[in-house]
Amino acid sequence: MDEHTFQKKMAELIQRIQDLPGAKPGNQEPEGTEAAAETGLQGPLGELQESLDYLRLSVKYLVFDLEATRRENAYLRRLVEQSNRRREQSREQDDEHD
């Protein structure tokens, strides 16, 4: 799953969570048993939101780390290729002198 797809799915999930009753800030508390049920959901919903935020941050860090690793890998490959070319040139020059 690429970053764009992940972000889209995460946004859809967050929207669905916010659409749940009592999940939006500023909602008036319903009266009676519904108020107790919604208050009971706010804690777990808050924890879920924090977990999703942590997951999003972790994925962003992993994507950043992966990109940095790819850049480092490409840089090191170029160094190895340059070193190999220099060795080959050095061997060719040594062969010419013999």
Protein backbone atom coordinates (compact mmCIF):
# COMPACT_ATOMS: atom_id res chain seq x y z
CA MET A 1 0.00 0.00 0.00
CA ASP A 2 1.50 3.31 -0.99
CA GLU A 3 1.42 6.50 1.09
CA HIS A 4 -1.45 8.08 -0.87
CA THR A 5 -3.70 5.03 -0.50
CA PHE A 6 -2.86 4.80 3.19
CA GLN A 7 -3.69 8.46 3.77
CA LYS A 8 -6.98 8.11 1.89
CA LYS A 9 -8.01 5.02 3.89
CA MET A 10 -6.94 6.67 7.15
CA ALA A 11 -9.00 9.79 6.34
CA GLU A 12 -12.04 7.63 5.55
CA LEU A 13 -11.64 5.75 8.83
CA ILE A 14 -11.29 8.94 10.84
CA GLN A 15 -14.36 10.40 9.12
CA ARG A 16 -16.37 7.29 9.95
CA ILE A 17 -15.25 7.50 13.58
CA GLN A 18 -16.18 11.18 13.77
CA ASP A 19 -19.61 10.39 12.30
CA LEU A 20 -20.36 8.12 15.25
CA PRO A 21 -22.80 9.63 17.76
CA GLY A 22 -21.02 11.72 20.37
CA ALA A 23 -17.66 11.63 18.60
CA LYS A 24 -17.78 15.23 17.38
CA PRO A 25 -16.72 17.93 19.82
CA GLY A 26 -19.40 20.43 20.69
CA ASN A 27 -22.30 17.97 20.42
CA GLN A 28 -24.89 18.45 23.09
CA GLU A 29 -25.19 15.54 25.45
CA PRO A 30 -28.33 13.51 24.81
CA GLU A 31 -30.47 12.86 27.81
CA GLY A 32 -31.17 9.56 29.54
CA THR A 33 -29.54 6.22 28.79
CA GLU A 34 -28.18 7.41 25.45
CA ALA A 35 -26.05 9.98 27.29
CA ALA A 36 -24.52 7.28 29.46
CA ALA A 37 -23.84 5.06 26.45
CA GLU A 38 -22.19 7.88 24.48
CA THR A 39 -20.11 8.98 27.47
CA GLY A 40 -18.92 5.40 27.76
CA LEU A 41 -17.83 5.46 24.10
CA GLN A 42 -15.93 8.74 24.31
CA GLY A 43 -13.06 7.19 26.29
CA PRO A 44 -12.49 4.30 23.89
CA LEU A 45 -12.96 6.61 20.88
CA GLY A 46 -10.36 8.98 22.27
CA GLU A 47 -7.96 6.10 22.81
CA LEU A 48 -8.66 4.87 19.29
CA GLN A 49 -7.96 8.33 17.89
CA GLU A 50 -4.68 8.49 19.81
CA SER A 51 -3.75 5.05 18.52
CA LEU A 52 -4.54 6.09 14.95
CA ASP A 53 -2.47 9.25 15.38
CA TYR A 54 0.43 7.18 16.70
CA LEU A 55 0.04 4.71 13.82
CA ARG A 56 0.00 7.55 11.29
CA LEU A 57 3.13 9.06 12.82
CA SER A 58 4.87 5.67 12.87
CA VAL A 59 4.04 5.02 9.22
CA LYS A 60 5.30 8.47 8.24
CA TYR A 61 8.53 7.79 10.11
CA LEU A 62 8.92 4.40 8.42
CA VAL A 63 8.29 5.93 4.98
CA PHE A 64 10.86 8.65 5.74
CA ASP A 65 13.35 6.04 6.92
CA LEU A 66 12.74 3.91 3.82
CA GLU A 67 13.31 6.89 1.53
CA ALA A 68 16.51 7.82 3.40
CA THR A 69 17.72 4.22 3.15
CA ARG A 70 17.04 4.19 -0.59
CA ARG A 71 18.99 7.44 -1.03
CA GLU A 72 21.89 6.06 1.00
CA ASN A 73 21.80 2.83 -0.98
CA ALA A 74 21.91 4.71 -4.30
CA TYR A 75 24.79 6.86 -3.04
CA LEU A 76 26.78 3.83 -1.88
CA ARG A 77 26.15 2.04 -5.19
CA ARG A 78 27.55 5.03 -7.05
CA LEU A 79 30.64 4.98 -4.81
CA VAL A 80 31.16 1.27 -5.44
CA GLU A 81 30.73 1.75 -9.20
CA GLN A 82 33.23 4.61 -9.21
CA SER A 83 35.69 2.52 -7.21
CA ASN A 84 35.27 -0.40 -9.63
CA ARG A 85 35.83 1.88 -12.64
CA ARG A 86 39.02 3.27 -11.09
CA ARG A 87 40.28 -0.25 -10.42
CA GLU A 88 39.56 -1.27 -14.00
CA GLN A 89 41.32 1.81 -15.34
CA SER A 90 44.27 1.13 -13.07
CA ARG A 91 44.46 -2.50 -14.28
CA GLU A 92 44.26 -1.40 -17.91
CA GLN A 93 47.10 1.04 -17.36
CA ASP A 94 49.17 -1.64 -15.60
CA ASP A 95 48.51 -4.05 -18.50
CA GLU A 96 49.64 -1.42 -21.01
CA HIS A 97 52.92 -0.91 -19.12
CA ASP A 98 53.68 -4.64 -19.08
